[in-house]
C-alpha atoms as a PDB file:
ATOM      1  CA  MET A   1      19.349 -46.535  64.308  1.00  0.00           C
ATOM      2  CA  LYS A   2      21.828 -47.959  62.008  1.00  0.00           C
ATOM      3  CA  LYS A   3      22.765 -47.075  58.407  1.00  0.00           C
ATOM      4  CA  SER A   4      22.127 -48.908  55.497  1.00  0.00           C
ATOM      5  CA  ASN A   5      24.884 -50.227  53.459  1.00  0.00           C
ATOM      6  CA  ILE A   6      23.342 -48.215  50.609  1.00  0.00           C
ATOM      7  CA  GLU A   7      23.602 -45.101  53.062  1.00  0.00           C
ATOM      8  CA  ILE A   8      27.213 -45.475  53.838  1.00  0.00           C
ATOM      9  CA  LEU A   9      28.205 -46.275  50.359  1.00  0.00           C
ATOM     10  CA  GLU A  10      26.469 -42.763  49.404  1.00  0.00           C
ATOM     11  CA  ASN A  11      27.950 -41.164  51.975  1.00  0.00           C
ATOM     12  CA  ARG A  12      31.468 -42.242  50.834  1.00  0.00           C
ATOM     13  CA  ILE A  13      31.095 -41.222  47.569  1.00  0.00           C
ATOM     14  CA  MET A  14      29.934 -37.909  47.979  1.00  0.00           C
ATOM     15  CA  GLU A  15      33.093 -37.705  50.124  1.00  0.00           C
ATOM     16  CA  LEU A  16      35.402 -38.907  47.014  1.00  0.00           C
ATOM     17  CA  GLU A  17      34.105 -37.014  44.544  1.00  0.00           C
ATOM     18  CA  ALA A  18      34.225 -33.837  47.032  1.00  0.00           C
ATOM     19  CA  LYS A  19      38.160 -35.061  47.210  1.00  0.00           C
ATOM     20  CA  GLN A  20      38.226 -35.160  43.654  1.00  0.00           C
ATOM     21  CA  LYS A  21      36.661 -31.669  43.052  1.00  0.00           C
ATOM     22  CA  ASN A  22      39.619 -30.358  45.413  1.00  0.00           C
ATOM     23  CA  ASP A  23      42.109 -32.668  43.774  1.00  0.00           C
ATOM     24  CA  LEU A  24      41.171 -31.372  40.628  1.00  0.00           C
ATOM     25  CA  LEU A  25      41.718 -27.151  42.113  1.00  0.00           C
ATOM     26  CA  GLU A  26      45.052 -28.048  42.978  1.00  0.00           C
ATOM     27  CA  LEU A  27      45.884 -29.811  39.976  1.00  0.00           C
ATOM     28  CA  LYS A  28      44.783 -26.897  37.831  1.00  0.00           C
ATOM     29  CA  ASN A  29      46.584 -24.555  40.105  1.00  0.00           C
ATOM     30  CA  GLU A  30      50.322 -26.447  40.023  1.00  0.00           C
ATOM     31  CA  ILE A  31      49.666 -26.656  35.838  1.00  0.00           C
ATOM     32  CA  GLU A  32      48.596 -22.873  35.702  1.00  0.00           C
ATOM     33  CA  ILE A  33      51.999 -22.241  38.059  1.00  0.00           C
ATOM     34  CA  THR A  34      54.151 -24.655  36.045  1.00  0.00           C
ATOM     35  CA  TYR A  35      52.949 -23.095  32.397  1.00  0.00           C
ATOM     36  CA  GLU A  36      53.889 -19.285  34.296  1.00  0.00           C
ATOM     37  CA  SER A  37      57.536 -20.441  35.267  1.00  0.00           C
ATOM     38  CA  LEU A  38      58.159 -21.727  31.675  1.00  0.00           C
ATOM     39  CA  LYS A  39      57.046 -19.188  29.856  1.00  0.00           C
ATOM     40  CA  PRO A  40      60.039 -17.567  28.066  1.00  0.00           C
ATOM     41  CA  ILE A  41      60.186 -14.287  29.531  1.00  0.00           C
ATOM     42  CA  HIS A  42      60.264 -15.854  32.773  1.00  0.00           C
ATOM     43  CA  LEU A  43      62.977 -18.683  31.813  1.00  0.00           C
ATOM     44  CA  ILE A  44      65.216 -15.794  29.869  1.00  0.00           C
ATOM     45  CA  THR A  45      65.113 -13.271  32.956  1.00  0.00           C
ATOM     46  CA  ASP A  46      65.792 -15.878  35.613  1.00  0.00           C
ATOM     47  CA  PHE A  47      68.520 -17.469  33.388  1.00  0.00           C
ATOM     48  CA  LEU A  48      70.175 -14.292  33.753  1.00  0.00           C
ATOM     49  CA  GLU A  49      69.751 -13.090  37.455  1.00  0.00           C
ATOM     50  CA  ASN A  50      71.417 -16.209  38.444  1.00  0.00           C
ATOM     51  CA  ASN A  51      74.180 -16.368  35.922  1.00  0.00           C
ATOM     52  CA  LEU A  52      75.171 -12.634  35.847  1.00  0.00           C
ATOM     53  CA  ILE A  53      75.563 -12.850  39.423  1.00  0.00           C
ATOM     54  CA  SER A  54      77.637 -15.471  39.401  1.00  0.00           C
ATOM     55  CA  LYS A  55      80.012 -14.373  36.613  1.00  0.00           C
ATOM     56  CA  LYS A  56      80.303 -10.846  38.399  1.00  0.00           C
ATOM     57  CA  ILE A  57      81.129 -12.703  41.549  1.00  0.00           C
ATOM     58  CA  LEU A  58      83.495 -14.938  39.864  1.00  0.00           C
ATOM     59  CA  LYS A  59      85.149 -12.141  38.211  1.00  0.00           C
ATOM     60  CA  SER A  60      85.463 -10.132  41.549  1.00  0.00           C
ATOM     61  CA  ASN A  61      87.422 -12.781  43.185  1.00  0.00           C
ATOM     62  CA  LEU A  62      89.774 -13.466  39.830  1.00  0.00           C
ATOM     63  CA  PHE A  63      90.654 -10.169  40.150  1.00  0.00           C
ATOM     64  CA  LYS A  64      91.374 -10.196  43.838  1.00  0.00           C
ATOM     65  CA  VAL A  65      93.325 -13.128  43.441  1.00  0.00           C
ATOM     66  CA  GLY A  66      95.120 -11.437  40.790  1.00  0.00           C
ATOM     67  CA  LEU A  67      95.626  -8.160  42.264  1.00  0.00           C
ATOM     68  CA  SER A  68      96.702 -10.070  45.618  1.00  0.00           C
ATOM     69  CA  SER A  69      99.264 -11.949  43.707  1.00  0.00           C
ATOM     70  CA  ILE A  70     100.752  -9.072  41.374  1.00  0.00           C
ATOM     71  CA  GLY A  71     101.138  -7.500  44.622  1.00  0.00           C
ATOM     72  CA  SER A  72     102.873 -10.122  46.528  1.00  0.00           C
ATOM     73  CA  TYR A  73     105.106 -10.945  43.665  1.00  0.00           C
ATOM     74  CA  LEU A  74     106.459  -6.893  43.118  1.00  0.00           C
ATOM     75  CA  LEU A  75     107.301  -6.551  46.268  1.00  0.00           C
ATOM     76  CA  LYS A  76     109.868  -9.907  46.095  1.00  0.00           C
ATOM     77  CA  LYS A  77     110.894  -8.714  43.091  1.00  0.00           C
ATOM     78  CA  THR A  78     112.064  -5.163  44.841  1.00  0.00           C
ATOM     79  CA  ILE A  79     113.325  -7.085  47.705  1.00  0.00           C
ATOM     80  CA  LEU A  80     115.330  -9.606  46.009  1.00  0.00           C
ATOM     81  CA  LYS A  81     116.386  -7.749  42.964  1.00  0.00           C
ATOM     82  CA  LYS A  82     119.499  -9.543  41.660  1.00  0.00           C
ATOM     83  CA  SER A  83     120.483 -11.535  44.388  1.00  0.00           C
ATOM     84  CA  ASN A  84     121.089 -14.780  44.884  1.00  0.00           C
ATOM     85  CA  SER A  85     121.444 -14.884  48.793  1.00  0.00           C
ATOM     86  CA  PHE A  86     119.826 -17.379  50.764  1.00  0.00           C
ATOM     87  CA  ILE A  87     118.471 -15.891  53.476  1.00  0.00           C
ATOM     88  CA  ARG A  88     117.410 -13.089  51.284  1.00  0.00           C
ATOM     89  CA  ILE A  89     115.453 -15.507  49.183  1.00  0.00           C
ATOM     90  CA  LEU A  90     113.619 -17.109  51.747  1.00  0.00           C
ATOM     91  CA  SER A  91     113.186 -13.715  53.066  1.00  0.00           C
ATOM     92  CA  ALA A  92     111.650 -12.663  49.874  1.00  0.00           C
ATOM     93  CA  ASN A  93     109.551 -16.296  49.945  1.00  0.00           C
ATOM     94  CA  ALA A  94     107.861 -15.155  53.093  1.00  0.00           C
ATOM     95  CA  LEU A  95     106.839 -11.685  52.767  1.00  0.00           C
ATOM     96  CA  GLN A  96     105.829 -12.788  49.617  1.00  0.00           C
ATOM     97  CA  LYS A  97     103.409 -15.032  51.064  1.00  0.00           C
ATOM     98  CA  ALA A  98     102.537 -12.738  54.246  1.00  0.00           C
ATOM     99  CA  SER A  99     101.640  -9.995  51.754  1.00  0.00           C
ATOM    100  CA  SER A 100      99.348 -11.961  49.548  1.00  0.00           C
ATOM    101  CA  SER A 101      97.313 -12.852  53.045  1.00  0.00           C
ATOM    102  CA  LEU A 102      97.302  -9.474  53.801  1.00  0.00           C
ATOM    103  CA  ILE A 103      96.301  -8.045  50.476  1.00  0.00           C
ATOM    104  CA  GLU A 104      93.572 -10.607  50.308  1.00  0.00           C
ATOM    105  CA  ASN A 105      92.400  -9.903  53.650  1.00  0.00           C
ATOM    106  CA  PHE A 106      92.223  -6.606  52.077  1.00  0.00           C
ATOM    107  CA  LEU A 107      90.302  -6.777  49.690  1.00  0.00           C
ATOM    108  CA  LYS A 108      87.653  -9.127  51.054  1.00  0.00           C
ATOM    109  CA  ASN A 109      86.588  -6.306  53.845  1.00  0.00           C
END
């Protein structure tokens, strides 16, 4: 038996109304999630968590680089002292570079 155009339209209207209800519920859920995430307490805690972690990493990296540079500089000055020998200067520079790498590797582990 063939459906009439009116029955087809009524079925389509019911389908669209059901879809509209589902879309409205999804939209309400999204608005609620957005509202919760934009509360000041959530914004502040997210900001602090993200920035404190990155600041700790930055401070740690700066400390490692500084310690490596100071250690290798002091080693170079200890070897060179007041010498103007070309070979001693070259060996001190090479040792400074090597010690800097060793200290950085040691601090990474």
